[in-house]
Amino acid sequence: NNNQLTRIPLESFRQLNHLEHLSLAYNPIWHPNCLTLGDS
């Protein structure tokens, strides 16, 4: 939360197969893909 991330990282989460809770709140994220969040 509350960092300066501008996009949702695609490959940075690839080791997190057990992740249950993720918060990216209040970053200036501009999601470039109109179609889906699937890749992220």
Full PDB file with SEQRES, HELIX, SHEET, SSBOND, CRYST1, ORIGX, SCALE, CONECT and MASTER records, all heavy atoms in Angstrom:
SEQRES   1 A   40  ASN ASN ASN GLN LEU THR ARG ILE PRO LEU GLU SER PHE          
SEQRES   2 A   40  ARG GLN LEU ASN HIS LEU GLU HIS LEU SER LEU ALA TYR          
SEQRES   3 A   40  ASN PRO ILE TRP HIS PRO ASN CYS LEU THR LEU GLY ASP          
SEQRES   4 A   40  SER                                                          
CRYST1    1.000    1.000    1.000  90.00  90.00  90.00 P 1           1          
ORIGX1      1.000000  0.000000  0.000000        0.00000                         
ORIGX2      0.000000  1.000000  0.000000        0.00000                         
ORIGX3      0.000000  0.000000  1.000000        0.00000                         
SCALE1      1.000000  0.000000  0.000000        0.00000                         
SCALE2      0.000000  1.000000  0.000000        0.00000                         
SCALE3      0.000000  0.000000  1.000000        0.00000                         
ATOM      1  N   ASN A   1       0.818  -1.216   0.000  1.00  0.00           N  
ATOM      2  CA  ASN A   1       0.000   0.000   0.000  1.00  0.00           C  
ATOM      3  C   ASN A   1       0.852   1.267   0.000  1.00  0.00           C  
ATOM      4  O   ASN A   1       1.933   1.321   0.596  1.00  0.00           O  
ATOM      5  CB  ASN A   1      -0.899   0.044   1.247  1.00  0.00           C  
ATOM      6  CG  ASN A   1      -1.847  -1.130   1.317  1.00  0.00           C  
ATOM      7  OD1 ASN A   1      -1.962  -1.906   0.380  1.00  0.00           O  
ATOM      8  ND2 ASN A   1      -2.521  -1.265   2.439  1.00  0.00           N  
ATOM      9  N   ASN A   2       0.328   2.305  -0.659  1.00  0.00           N  
ATOM     10  CA  ASN A   2       0.885   3.658  -0.559  1.00  0.00           C  
ATOM     11  C   ASN A   2       2.362   3.736  -0.922  1.00  0.00           C  
ATOM     12  O   ASN A   2       3.172   4.327  -0.210  1.00  0.00           O  
ATOM     13  CB  ASN A   2       0.670   4.219   0.861  1.00  0.00           C  
ATOM     14  CG  ASN A   2      -0.781   4.385   1.198  1.00  0.00           C  
ATOM     15  OD1 ASN A   2      -1.473   5.241   0.655  1.00  0.00           O  
ATOM     16  ND2 ASN A   2      -1.274   3.531   2.084  1.00  0.00           N  
ATOM     17  N   ASN A   3       2.704   3.119  -2.045  1.00  0.00           N  
ATOM     18  CA  ASN A   3       4.039   3.277  -2.605  1.00  0.00           C  
ATOM     19  C   ASN A   3       3.921   4.076  -3.896  1.00  0.00           C  
ATOM     20  O   ASN A   3       2.937   4.788  -4.087  1.00  0.00           O  
ATOM     21  CB  ASN A   3       4.677   1.899  -2.813  1.00  0.00           C  
ATOM     22  CG  ASN A   3       4.886   1.168  -1.496  1.00  0.00           C  
ATOM     23  OD1 ASN A   3       5.593   1.638  -0.614  1.00  0.00           O  
ATOM     24  ND2 ASN A   3       4.246   0.006  -1.342  1.00  0.00           N  
ATOM     25  N   GLN A   4       4.881   3.941  -4.800  1.00  0.00           N  
ATOM     26  CA  GLN A   4       4.864   4.698  -6.058  1.00  0.00           C  
ATOM     27  C   GLN A   4       4.767   3.777  -7.279  1.00  0.00           C  
ATOM     28  O   GLN A   4       5.206   4.142  -8.366  1.00  0.00           O  
ATOM     29  CB  GLN A   4       6.127   5.570  -6.147  1.00  0.00           C  
ATOM     30  CG  GLN A   4       6.260   6.605  -5.046  1.00  0.00           C  
ATOM     31  CD  GLN A   4       5.093   7.570  -5.026  1.00  0.00           C  
ATOM     32  OE1 GLN A   4       4.655   8.062  -6.082  1.00  0.00           O  
ATOM     33  NE2 GLN A   4       4.560   7.842  -3.841  1.00  0.00           N  
ATOM     34  N   LEU A   5       4.208   2.596  -7.089  1.00  0.00           N  
ATOM     35  CA  LEU A   5       4.092   1.647  -8.194  1.00  0.00           C  
ATOM     36  C   LEU A   5       3.152   2.190  -9.264  1.00  0.00           C  
ATOM     37  O   LEU A   5       2.045   2.621  -8.971  1.00  0.00           O  
ATOM     38  CB  LEU A   5       3.564   0.309  -7.681  1.00  0.00           C  
ATOM     39  CG  LEU A   5       4.431  -0.400  -6.632  1.00  0.00           C  
ATOM     40  CD1 LEU A   5       3.714  -1.647  -6.111  1.00  0.00           C  
ATOM     41  CD2 LEU A   5       5.785  -0.769  -7.206  1.00  0.00           C  
ATOM     42  N   THR A   6       3.598   2.137 -10.505  1.00  0.00           N  
ATOM     43  CA  THR A   6       2.800   2.685 -11.597  1.00  0.00           C  
ATOM     44  C   THR A   6       2.123   1.603 -12.436  1.00  0.00           C  
ATOM     45  O   THR A   6       1.283   1.913 -13.276  1.00  0.00           O  
ATOM     46  CB  THR A   6       3.677   3.541 -12.523  1.00  0.00           C  
ATOM     47  OG1 THR A   6       4.779   2.743 -12.983  1.00  0.00           O  
ATOM     48  CG2 THR A   6       4.217   4.760 -11.777  1.00  0.00           C  
ATOM     49  N   ARG A   7       2.499   0.354 -12.225  1.00  0.00           N  
ATOM     50  CA  ARG A   7       1.850  -0.720 -12.976  1.00  0.00           C  
ATOM     51  C   ARG A   7       1.787  -1.975 -12.113  1.00  0.00           C  
ATOM     52  O   ARG A   7       2.525  -2.122 -11.136  1.00  0.00           O  
ATOM     53  CB  ARG A   7       2.585  -1.016 -14.284  1.00  0.00           C  
ATOM     54  CG  ARG A   7       3.966  -1.610 -14.097  1.00  0.00           C  
ATOM     55  CD  ARG A   7       4.656  -1.849 -15.438  1.00  0.00           C  
ATOM     56  NE  ARG A   7       5.953  -2.470 -15.265  1.00  0.00           N  
ATOM     57  CZ  ARG A   7       6.142  -3.792 -15.215  1.00  0.00           C  
ATOM     58  NH1 ARG A   7       5.091  -4.606 -15.312  1.00  0.00           N  
ATOM     59  NH2 ARG A   7       7.352  -4.291 -15.063  1.00  0.00           N  
ATOM     60  N   ILE A   8       0.905  -2.873 -12.482  1.00  0.00           N  
ATOM     61  CA  ILE A   8       0.806  -4.158 -11.798  1.00  0.00           C  
ATOM     62  C   ILE A   8       1.880  -5.064 -12.376  1.00  0.00           C  
ATOM     63  O   ILE A   8       1.865  -5.362 -13.579  1.00  0.00           O  
ATOM     64  CB  ILE A   8      -0.580  -4.776 -11.988  1.00  0.00           C  
ATOM     65  CG1 ILE A   8      -1.646  -3.870 -11.354  1.00  0.00           C  
ATOM     66  CG2 ILE A   8      -0.637  -6.169 -11.374  1.00  0.00           C  
ATOM     67  CD1 ILE A   8      -3.048  -4.365 -11.550  1.00  0.00           C  
ATOM     68  N   PRO A   9       2.843  -5.499 -11.588  1.00  0.00           N  
ATOM     69  CA  PRO A   9       3.948  -6.308 -12.115  1.00  0.00           C  
ATOM     70  C   PRO A   9       3.465  -7.668 -12.593  1.00  0.00           C  
ATOM     71  O   PRO A   9       2.648  -8.309 -11.952  1.00  0.00           O  
ATOM     72  CB  PRO A   9       4.882  -6.443 -10.904  1.00  0.00           C  
ATOM     73  CG  PRO A   9       3.997  -6.252  -9.723  1.00  0.00           C  
ATOM     74  CD  PRO A   9       2.928  -5.300 -10.140  1.00  0.00           C  
ATOM     75  N   LEU A  10       3.967  -8.102 -13.737  1.00  0.00           N  
ATOM     76  CA  LEU A  10       3.495  -9.345 -14.327  1.00  0.00           C  
ATOM     77  C   LEU A  10       4.274 -10.557 -13.813  1.00  0.00           C  
ATOM     78  O   LEU A  10       3.689 -11.558 -13.412  1.00  0.00           O  
ATOM     79  CB  LEU A  10       3.602  -9.276 -15.851  1.00  0.00           C  
ATOM     80  CG  LEU A  10       2.818  -8.144 -16.515  1.00  0.00           C  
ATOM     81  CD1 LEU A  10       2.962  -8.225 -18.030  1.00  0.00           C  
ATOM     82  CD2 LEU A  10       1.356  -8.206 -16.129  1.00  0.00           C  
ATOM     83  N   GLU A  11       5.602 -10.486 -13.827  1.00  0.00           N  
ATOM     84  CA  GLU A  11       6.425 -11.634 -13.472  1.00  0.00           C  
ATOM     85  C   GLU A  11       6.908 -11.607 -12.026  1.00  0.00           C  
ATOM     86  O   GLU A  11       7.432 -12.601 -11.536  1.00  0.00           O  
ATOM     87  CB  GLU A  11       7.644 -11.703 -14.405  1.00  0.00           C  
ATOM     88  CG  GLU A  11       7.296 -11.880 -15.867  1.00  0.00           C  
ATOM     89  CD  GLU A  11       6.591 -13.206 -16.127  1.00  0.00           C  
ATOM     90  OE1 GLU A  11       6.957 -14.213 -15.503  1.00  0.00           O  
ATOM     91  OE2 GLU A  11       5.669 -13.231 -16.958  1.00  0.00           O  
ATOM     92  N   SER A  12       6.716 -10.503 -11.333  1.00  0.00           N  
ATOM     93  CA  SER A  12       7.244 -10.388  -9.972  1.00  0.00           C  
ATOM     94  C   SER A  12       6.536 -11.312  -8.995  1.00  0.00           C  
ATOM     95  O   SER A  12       7.040 -11.575  -7.909  1.00  0.00           O  
ATOM     96  CB  SER A  12       7.119  -8.943  -9.480  1.00  0.00           C  
ATOM     97  OG  SER A  12       7.834  -8.076 -10.311  1.00  0.00           O  
ATOM     98  N   PHE A  13       5.355 -11.817  -9.368  1.00  0.00           N  
ATOM     99  CA  PHE A  13       4.579 -12.658  -8.456  1.00  0.00           C  
ATOM    100  C   PHE A  13       4.704 -14.149  -8.771  1.00  0.00           C  
ATOM    101  O   PHE A  13       4.021 -14.972  -8.178  1.00  0.00           O  
ATOM    102  CB  PHE A  13       3.088 -12.281  -8.537  1.00  0.00           C  
ATOM    103  CG  PHE A  13       2.790 -10.874  -8.118  1.00  0.00           C  
ATOM    104  CD1 PHE A  13       1.759 -10.174  -8.722  1.00  0.00           C  
ATOM    105  CD2 PHE A  13       3.529 -10.247  -7.123  1.00  0.00           C  
ATOM    106  CE1 PHE A  13       1.469  -8.873  -8.333  1.00  0.00           C  
ATOM    107  CE2 PHE A  13       3.249  -8.953  -6.735  1.00  0.00           C  
ATOM    108  CZ  PHE A  13       2.218  -8.263  -7.338  1.00  0.00           C  
ATOM    109  N   ARG A  14       5.568 -14.508  -9.706  1.00  0.00           N  
ATOM    110  CA  ARG A  14       5.543 -15.885 -10.205  1.00  0.00           C  
ATOM    111  C   ARG A  14       5.992 -16.918  -9.172  1.00  0.00           C  
ATOM    112  O   ARG A  14       5.726 -18.103  -9.351  1.00  0.00           O  
ATOM    113  CB  ARG A  14       6.390 -15.993 -11.468  1.00  0.00           C  
ATOM    114  CG  ARG A  14       7.883 -15.746 -11.281  1.00  0.00           C  
ATOM    115  CD  ARG A  14       8.562 -15.743 -12.639  1.00  0.00           C  
ATOM    116  NE  ARG A  14      10.002 -15.482 -12.531  1.00  0.00           N  
ATOM    117  CZ  ARG A  14      10.803 -15.317 -13.567  1.00  0.00           C  
ATOM    118  NH1 ARG A  14      10.298 -15.384 -14.793  1.00  0.00           N  
ATOM    119  NH2 ARG A  14      12.089 -15.082 -13.401  1.00  0.00           N  
ATOM    120  N   GLN A  15       6.665 -16.484  -8.106  1.00  0.00           N  
ATOM    121  CA  GLN A  15       7.077 -17.438  -7.068  1.00  0.00           C  
ATOM    122  C   GLN A  15       6.039 -17.569  -5.960  1.00  0.00           C  
ATOM    123  O   GLN A  15       6.230 -18.323  -5.017  1.00  0.00           O  
ATOM    124  CB  GLN A  15       8.409 -16.982  -6.450  1.00  0.00           C  
ATOM    125  CG  GLN A  15       9.556 -16.962  -7.442  1.00  0.00           C  
ATOM    126  CD  GLN A  15      10.364 -15.685  -7.317  1.00  0.00           C  
ATOM    127  OE1 GLN A  15       9.828 -14.618  -7.050  1.00  0.00           O  
ATOM    128  NE2 GLN A  15      11.664 -15.810  -7.524  1.00  0.00           N  
ATOM    129  N   LEU A  16       4.923 -16.845  -6.078  1.00  0.00           N  
ATOM    130  CA  LEU A  16       3.979 -16.739  -4.954  1.00  0.00           C  
ATOM    131  C   LEU A  16       2.753 -17.632  -5.148  1.00  0.00           C  
ATOM    132  O   LEU A  16       1.613 -17.175  -5.137  1.00  0.00           O  
ATOM    133  CB  LEU A  16       3.562 -15.276  -4.774  1.00  0.00           C  
ATOM    134  CG  LEU A  16       4.721 -14.302  -4.550  1.00  0.00           C  
ATOM    135  CD1 LEU A  16       4.192 -12.885  -4.343  1.00  0.00           C  
ATOM    136  CD2 LEU A  16       5.580 -14.734  -3.369  1.00  0.00           C  
ATOM    137  N   ASN A  17       2.983 -18.898  -5.308  1.00  0.00           N  
ATOM    138  CA  ASN A  17       1.882 -19.838  -5.518  1.00  0.00           C  
ATOM    139  C   ASN A  17       0.998 -19.997  -4.297  1.00  0.00           C  
ATOM    140  O   ASN A  17      -0.138 -20.457  -4.403  1.00  0.00           O  
ATOM    141  CB  ASN A  17       2.445 -21.211  -5.914  1.00  0.00           C  
ATOM    142  CG  ASN A  17       3.125 -21.181  -7.266  1.00  0.00           C  
ATOM    143  OD1 ASN A  17       2.663 -20.493  -8.168  1.00  0.00           O  
ATOM    144  ND2 ASN A  17       4.226 -21.905  -7.410  1.00  0.00           N  
ATOM    145  N   HIS A  18       1.528 -19.624  -3.115  1.00  0.00           N  
ATOM    146  CA  HIS A  18       0.766 -19.793  -1.871  1.00  0.00           C  
ATOM    147  C   HIS A  18       0.138 -18.479  -1.390  1.00  0.00           C  
ATOM    148  O   HIS A  18      -0.481 -18.461  -0.327  1.00  0.00           O  
ATOM    149  CB  HIS A  18       1.671 -20.352  -0.775  1.00  0.00           C  
ATOM    150  CG  HIS A  18       2.232 -21.708  -1.088  1.00  0.00           C  
ATOM    151  ND1 HIS A  18       1.495 -22.864  -0.953  1.00  0.00           N  
ATOM    152  CD2 HIS A  18       3.451 -22.086  -1.559  1.00  0.00           C  
ATOM    153  CE1 HIS A  18       2.245 -23.896  -1.301  1.00  0.00           C  
ATOM    154  NE2 HIS A  18       3.431 -23.459  -1.681  1.00  0.00           N  
ATOM    155  N   LEU A  19       0.296 -17.412  -2.157  1.00  0.00           N  
ATOM    156  CA  LEU A  19      -0.208 -16.113  -1.724  1.00  0.00           C  
ATOM    157  C   LEU A  19      -1.736 -16.113  -1.629  1.00  0.00           C  
ATOM    158  O   LEU A  19      -2.425 -16.517  -2.567  1.00  0.00           O  
ATOM    159  CB  LEU A  19       0.246 -15.016  -2.680  1.00  0.00           C  
ATOM    160  CG  LEU A  19       0.101 -13.579  -2.151  1.00  0.00           C  
ATOM    161  CD1 LEU A  19       1.082 -13.333  -1.010  1.00  0.00           C  
ATOM    162  CD2 LEU A  19       0.320 -12.561  -3.268  1.00  0.00           C  
ATOM    163  N   GLU A  20      -2.254 -15.649  -0.483  1.00  0.00           N  
ATOM    164  CA  GLU A  20      -3.699 -15.582  -0.259  1.00  0.00           C  
ATOM    165  C   GLU A  20      -4.210 -14.142  -0.222  1.00  0.00           C  
ATOM    166  O   GLU A  20      -5.343 -13.884  -0.609  1.00  0.00           O  
ATOM    167  CB  GLU A  20      -4.051 -16.288   1.055  1.00  0.00           C  
ATOM    168  CG  GLU A  20      -3.720 -17.764   1.062  1.00  0.00           C  
ATOM    169  CD  GLU A  20      -3.979 -18.414   2.401  1.00  0.00           C  
ATOM    170  OE1 GLU A  20      -4.506 -17.717   3.305  1.00  0.00           O  
ATOM    171  OE2 GLU A  20      -3.668 -19.611   2.563  1.00  0.00           O  
ATOM    172  N   HIS A  21      -3.388 -13.211   0.267  1.00  0.00           N  
ATOM    173  CA  HIS A  21      -3.812 -11.809   0.401  1.00  0.00           C  
ATOM    174  C   HIS A  21      -2.825 -10.904  -0.313  1.00  0.00           C  
ATOM    175  O   HIS A  21      -1.620 -10.958  -0.052  1.00  0.00           O  
ATOM    176  CB  HIS A  21      -3.897 -11.419   1.872  1.00  0.00           C  
ATOM    177  CG  HIS A  21      -4.089  -9.947   2.091  1.00  0.00           C  
ATOM    178  ND1 HIS A  21      -5.284  -9.296   1.815  1.00  0.00           N  
ATOM    179  CD2 HIS A  21      -3.237  -8.987   2.531  1.00  0.00           C  
ATOM    180  CE1 HIS A  21      -5.154  -8.009   2.076  1.00  0.00           C  
ATOM    181  NE2 HIS A  21      -3.922  -7.793   2.511  1.00  0.00           N  
ATOM    182  N   LEU A  22      -3.328 -10.056  -1.213  1.00  0.00           N  
ATOM    183  CA  LEU A  22      -2.497  -9.094  -1.934  1.00  0.00           C  
ATOM    184  C   LEU A  22      -3.168  -7.732  -1.913  1.00  0.00           C  
ATOM    185  O   LEU A  22      -4.336  -7.597  -2.260  1.00  0.00           O  
ATOM    186  CB  LEU A  22      -2.298  -9.543  -3.389  1.00  0.00           C  
ATOM    187  CG  LEU A  22      -1.570  -8.545  -4.307  1.00  0.00           C  
ATOM    188  CD1 LEU A  22      -0.149  -8.299  -3.818  1.00  0.00           C  
ATOM    189  CD2 LEU A  22      -1.568  -9.048  -5.752  1.00  0.00           C  
ATOM    190  N   SER A  23      -2.414  -6.707  -1.496  1.00  0.00           N  
ATOM    191  CA  SER A  23      -2.931  -5.339  -1.511  1.00  0.00           C  
ATOM    192  C   SER A  23      -1.972  -4.440  -2.282  1.00  0.00           C  
ATOM    193  O   SER A  23      -0.788  -4.341  -1.948  1.00  0.00           O  
ATOM    194  CB  SER A  23      -3.104  -4.803  -0.089  1.00  0.00           C  
ATOM    195  OG  SER A  23      -3.594  -3.468  -0.138  1.00  0.00           O  
ATOM    196  N   LEU A  24      -2.506  -3.793  -3.317  1.00  0.00           N  
ATOM    197  CA  LEU A  24      -1.752  -2.815  -4.110  1.00  0.00           C  
ATOM    198  C   LEU A  24      -2.406  -1.438  -3.988  1.00  0.00           C  
ATOM    199  O   LEU A  24      -2.254  -0.589  -4.863  1.00  0.00           O  
ATOM    200  CB  LEU A  24      -1.729  -3.251  -5.573  1.00  0.00           C  
ATOM    201  CG  LEU A  24      -0.951  -4.541  -5.869  1.00  0.00           C  
ATOM    202  CD1 LEU A  24      -1.300  -5.073  -7.250  1.00  0.00           C  
ATOM    203  CD2 LEU A  24       0.540  -4.299  -5.762  1.00  0.00           C  
ATOM    204  N   ALA A  25      -3.112  -1.214  -2.906  1.00  0.00           N  
ATOM    205  CA  ALA A  25      -3.946  -0.025  -2.758  1.00  0.00           C  
ATOM    206  C   ALA A  25      -3.136   1.263  -2.720  1.00  0.00           C  
ATOM    207  O   ALA A  25      -2.053   1.323  -2.149  1.00  0.00           O  
ATOM    208  CB  ALA A  25      -4.784  -0.139  -1.482  1.00  0.00           C  
ATOM    209  N   TYR A  26      -3.695   2.274  -3.343  1.00  0.00           N  
ATOM    210  CA  TYR A  26      -3.178   3.639  -3.305  1.00  0.00           C  
ATOM    211  C   TYR A  26      -1.742   3.743  -3.798  1.00  0.00           C  
ATOM    212  O   TYR A  26      -0.897   4.411  -3.220  1.00  0.00           O  
ATOM    213  CB  TYR A  26      -3.362   4.253  -1.906  1.00  0.00           C  
ATOM    214  CG  TYR A  26      -4.830   4.412  -1.595  1.00  0.00           C  
ATOM    215  CD1 TYR A  26      -5.502   3.478  -0.826  1.00  0.00           C  
ATOM    216  CD2 TYR A  26      -5.567   5.452  -2.162  1.00  0.00           C  
ATOM    217  CE1 TYR A  26      -6.868   3.576  -0.596  1.00  0.00           C  
ATOM    218  CE2 TYR A  26      -6.928   5.566  -1.942  1.00  0.00           C  
ATOM    219  CZ  TYR A  26      -7.574   4.629  -1.155  1.00  0.00           C  
ATOM    220  OH  TYR A  26      -8.928   4.722  -0.940  1.00  0.00           O  
ATOM    221  N   ASN A  27      -1.504   3.060  -4.914  1.00  0.00           N  
ATOM    222  CA  ASN A  27      -0.356   3.307  -5.764  1.00  0.00           C  
ATOM    223  C   ASN A  27      -0.889   3.972  -7.038  1.00  0.00           C  
ATOM    224  O   ASN A  27      -2.045   3.753  -7.399  1.00  0.00           O  
ATOM    225  CB  ASN A  27       0.341   1.997  -6.116  1.00  0.00           C  
ATOM    226  CG  ASN A  27       1.118   1.410  -4.957  1.00  0.00           C  
ATOM    227  OD1 ASN A  27       2.236   1.826  -4.664  1.00  0.00           O  
ATOM    228  ND2 ASN A  27       0.510   0.444  -4.272  1.00  0.00           N  
ATOM    229  N   PRO A  28      -0.089   4.778  -7.726  1.00  0.00           N  
ATOM    230  CA  PRO A  28      -0.578   5.423  -8.964  1.00  0.00           C  
ATOM    231  C   PRO A  28      -0.583   4.447 -10.139  1.00  0.00           C  
ATOM    232  O   PRO A  28      -0.028   4.716 -11.203  1.00  0.00           O  
ATOM    233  CB  PRO A  28       0.426   6.563  -9.170  1.00  0.00           C  
ATOM    234  CG  PRO A  28       1.694   6.072  -8.547  1.00  0.00           C  
ATOM    235  CD  PRO A  28       1.258   5.252  -7.354  1.00  0.00           C  
ATOM    236  N   ILE A  29      -1.238   3.305  -9.949  1.00  0.00           N  
ATOM    237  CA  ILE A  29      -1.224   2.244 -10.963  1.00  0.00           C  
ATOM    238  C   ILE A  29      -2.149   2.612 -12.125  1.00  0.00           C  
ATOM    239  O   ILE A  29      -3.291   3.000 -11.939  1.00  0.00           O  
ATOM    240  CB  ILE A  29      -1.655   0.899 -10.347  1.00  0.00           C  
ATOM    241  CG1 ILE A  29      -0.566   0.386  -9.409  1.00  0.00           C  
ATOM    242  CG2 ILE A  29      -1.952  -0.132 -11.422  1.00  0.00           C  
ATOM    243  CD1 ILE A  29      -0.951  -0.867  -8.661  1.00  0.00           C  
ATOM    244  N   TRP A  30      -1.614   2.471 -13.306  1.00  0.00           N  
ATOM    245  CA  TRP A  30      -2.383   2.676 -14.537  1.00  0.00           C  
ATOM    246  C   TRP A  30      -2.331   1.348 -15.277  1.00  0.00           C  
ATOM    247  O   TRP A  30      -1.332   0.995 -15.874  1.00  0.00           O  
ATOM    248  CB  TRP A  30      -1.749   3.785 -15.366  1.00  0.00           C  
ATOM    249  CG  TRP A  30      -2.446   4.084 -16.654  1.00  0.00           C  
ATOM    250  CD1 TRP A  30      -2.367   3.370 -17.812  1.00  0.00           C  
ATOM    251  CD2 TRP A  30      -3.313   5.171 -16.913  1.00  0.00           C  
ATOM    252  NE1 TRP A  30      -3.134   3.938 -18.789  1.00  0.00           N  
ATOM    253  CE2 TRP A  30      -3.730   5.056 -18.267  1.00  0.00           C  
ATOM    254  CE3 TRP A  30      -3.800   6.227 -16.162  1.00  0.00           C  
ATOM    255  CZ2 TRP A  30      -4.595   5.965 -18.861  1.00  0.00           C  
ATOM    256  CZ3 TRP A  30      -4.655   7.130 -16.756  1.00  0.00           C  
ATOM    257  CH2 TRP A  30      -5.054   7.000 -18.092  1.00  0.00           C  
ATOM    258  N   HIS A  31      -3.390   0.585 -15.217  1.00  0.00           N  
ATOM    259  CA  HIS A  31      -3.369  -0.734 -15.833  1.00  0.00           C  
ATOM    260  C   HIS A  31      -3.493  -0.593 -17.341  1.00  0.00           C  
ATOM    261  O   HIS A  31      -4.473  -0.044 -17.840  1.00  0.00           O  
ATOM    262  CB  HIS A  31      -4.506  -1.603 -15.284  1.00  0.00           C  
ATOM    263  CG  HIS A  31      -4.351  -3.037 -15.629  1.00  0.00           C  
ATOM    264  ND1 HIS A  31      -4.809  -3.566 -16.809  1.00  0.00           N  
ATOM    265  CD2 HIS A  31      -3.752  -4.062 -14.966  1.00  0.00           C  
ATOM    266  CE1 HIS A  31      -4.516  -4.856 -16.850  1.00  0.00           C  
ATOM    267  NE2 HIS A  31      -3.879  -5.179 -15.744  1.00  0.00           N  
ATOM    268  N   PRO A  32      -2.505  -1.087 -18.104  1.00  0.00           N  
ATOM    269  CA  PRO A  32      -2.488  -0.826 -19.549  1.00  0.00           C  
ATOM    270  C   PRO A  32      -3.435  -1.698 -20.350  1.00  0.00           C  
ATOM    271  O   PRO A  32      -3.720  -1.401 -21.508  1.00  0.00           O  
ATOM    272  CB  PRO A  32      -1.036  -1.141 -19.921  1.00  0.00           C  
ATOM    273  CG  PRO A  32      -0.628  -2.189 -18.925  1.00  0.00           C  
ATOM    274  CD  PRO A  32      -1.338  -1.840 -17.652  1.00  0.00           C  
ATOM    275  N   ASN A  33      -3.916  -2.791 -19.762  1.00  0.00           N  
ATOM    276  CA  ASN A  33      -4.686  -3.766 -20.532  1.00  0.00           C  
ATOM    277  C   ASN A  33      -6.178  -3.613 -20.262  1.00  0.00           C  
ATOM    278  O   ASN A  33      -6.637  -3.813 -19.155  1.00  0.00           O  
ATOM    279  CB  ASN A  33      -4.229  -5.181 -20.152  1.00  0.00           C  
ATOM    280  CG  ASN A  33      -4.775  -6.226 -21.105  1.00  0.00           C  
ATOM    281  OD1 ASN A  33      -5.723  -5.968 -21.841  1.00  0.00           O  
ATOM    282  ND2 ASN A  33      -4.171  -7.396 -21.091  1.00  0.00           N  
ATOM    283  N   CYS A  34      -6.930  -3.279 -21.268  1.00  0.00           N  
ATOM    284  CA  CYS A  34      -8.370  -3.085 -21.118  1.00  0.00           C  
ATOM    285  C   CYS A  34      -9.114  -4.405 -20.997  1.00  0.00           C  
ATOM    286  O   CYS A  34     -10.284  -4.426 -20.620  1.00  0.00           O  
ATOM    287  CB  CYS A  34      -8.936  -2.340 -22.326  1.00  0.00           C  
ATOM    288  SG  CYS A  34      -8.051  -0.835 -22.739  1.00  0.00           S  
ATOM    289  N   LEU A  35      -8.465  -5.502 -21.345  1.00  0.00           N  
ATOM    290  CA  LEU A  35      -9.198  -6.741 -21.533  1.00  0.00           C  
ATOM    291  C   LEU A  35      -9.279  -7.611 -20.287  1.00  0.00           C  
ATOM    292  O   LEU A  35     -10.324  -8.148 -19.975  1.00  0.00           O  
ATOM    293  CB  LEU A  35      -8.566  -7.539 -22.688  1.00  0.00           C  
ATOM    294  CG  LEU A  35      -8.539  -6.813 -24.026  1.00  0.00           C  
ATOM    295  CD1 LEU A  35      -7.865  -7.671 -25.080  1.00  0.00           C  
ATOM    296  CD2 LEU A  35      -9.952  -6.443 -24.455  1.00  0.00           C  
ATOM    297  N   THR A  36      -8.193  -7.771 -19.563  1.00  0.00           N  
ATOM    298  CA  THR A  36      -8.214  -8.707 -18.446  1.00  0.00           C  
ATOM    299  C   THR A  36      -7.073  -8.443 -17.477  1.00  0.00           C  
ATOM    300  O   THR A  36      -6.054  -7.855 -17.849  1.00  0.00           O  
ATOM    301  CB  THR A  36      -8.131 -10.157 -18.955  1.00  0.00           C  
ATOM    302  OG1 THR A  36      -8.138 -11.036 -17.826  1.00  0.00           O  
ATOM    303  CG2 THR A  36      -6.866 -10.406 -19.739  1.00  0.00           C  
ATOM    304  N   LEU A  37      -7.245  -8.885 -16.241  1.00  0.00           N  
ATOM    305  CA  LEU A  37      -6.167  -8.864 -15.260  1.00  0.00           C  
ATOM    306  C   LEU A  37      -5.445 -10.206 -15.216  1.00  0.00           C  
ATOM    307  O   LEU A  37      -4.552 -10.410 -14.409  1.00  0.00           O  
ATOM    308  CB  LEU A  37      -6.734  -8.577 -13.858  1.00  0.00           C  
ATOM    309  CG  LEU A  37      -7.025  -7.123 -13.511  1.00  0.00           C  
ATOM    310  CD1 LEU A  37      -7.707  -7.057 -12.157  1.00  0.00           C  
ATOM    311  CD2 LEU A  37      -5.767  -6.288 -13.501  1.00  0.00           C  
ATOM    312  N   GLY A  38      -5.829 -11.114 -16.096  1.00  0.00           N  
ATOM    313  CA  GLY A  38      -5.316 -12.475 -16.042  1.00  0.00           C  
ATOM    314  C   GLY A  38      -3.805 -12.577 -16.105  1.00  0.00           C  
ATOM    315  O   GLY A  38      -3.196 -13.341 -15.358  1.00  0.00           O  
ATOM    316  N   ASP A  39      -3.172 -11.825 -17.007  1.00  0.00           N  
ATOM    317  CA  ASP A  39      -1.717 -11.919 -17.143  1.00  0.00           C  
ATOM    318  C   ASP A  39      -0.997 -11.482 -15.865  1.00  0.00           C  
ATOM    319  O   ASP A  39       0.048 -12.009 -15.519  1.00  0.00           O  
ATOM    320  CB  ASP A  39      -1.246 -11.057 -18.316  1.00  0.00           C  
ATOM    321  CG  ASP A  39      -1.652 -11.646 -19.656  1.00  0.00           C  
ATOM    322  OD1 ASP A  39      -1.924 -12.862 -19.698  1.00  0.00           O  
ATOM    323  OD2 ASP A  39      -1.709 -10.892 -20.630  1.00  0.00           O  
ATOM    324  N   SER A  40      -1.577 -10.508 -15.165  1.00  0.00           N  
ATOM    325  CA  SER A  40      -0.926  -9.987 -13.967  1.00  0.00           C  
ATOM    326  C   SER A  40      -0.984 -10.969 -12.807  1.00  0.00           C  
ATOM    327  O   SER A  40      -0.087 -11.000 -11.967  1.00  0.00           O  
ATOM    328  CB  SER A  40      -1.593  -8.670 -13.543  1.00  0.00           C  
ATOM    329  OG  SER A  40      -1.528  -7.727 -14.579  1.00  0.00           O  
TER     330      SER A  40                                                      
MASTER        0    0    0    0    0    0    0    6  329    1    0    4          
END                                                                             
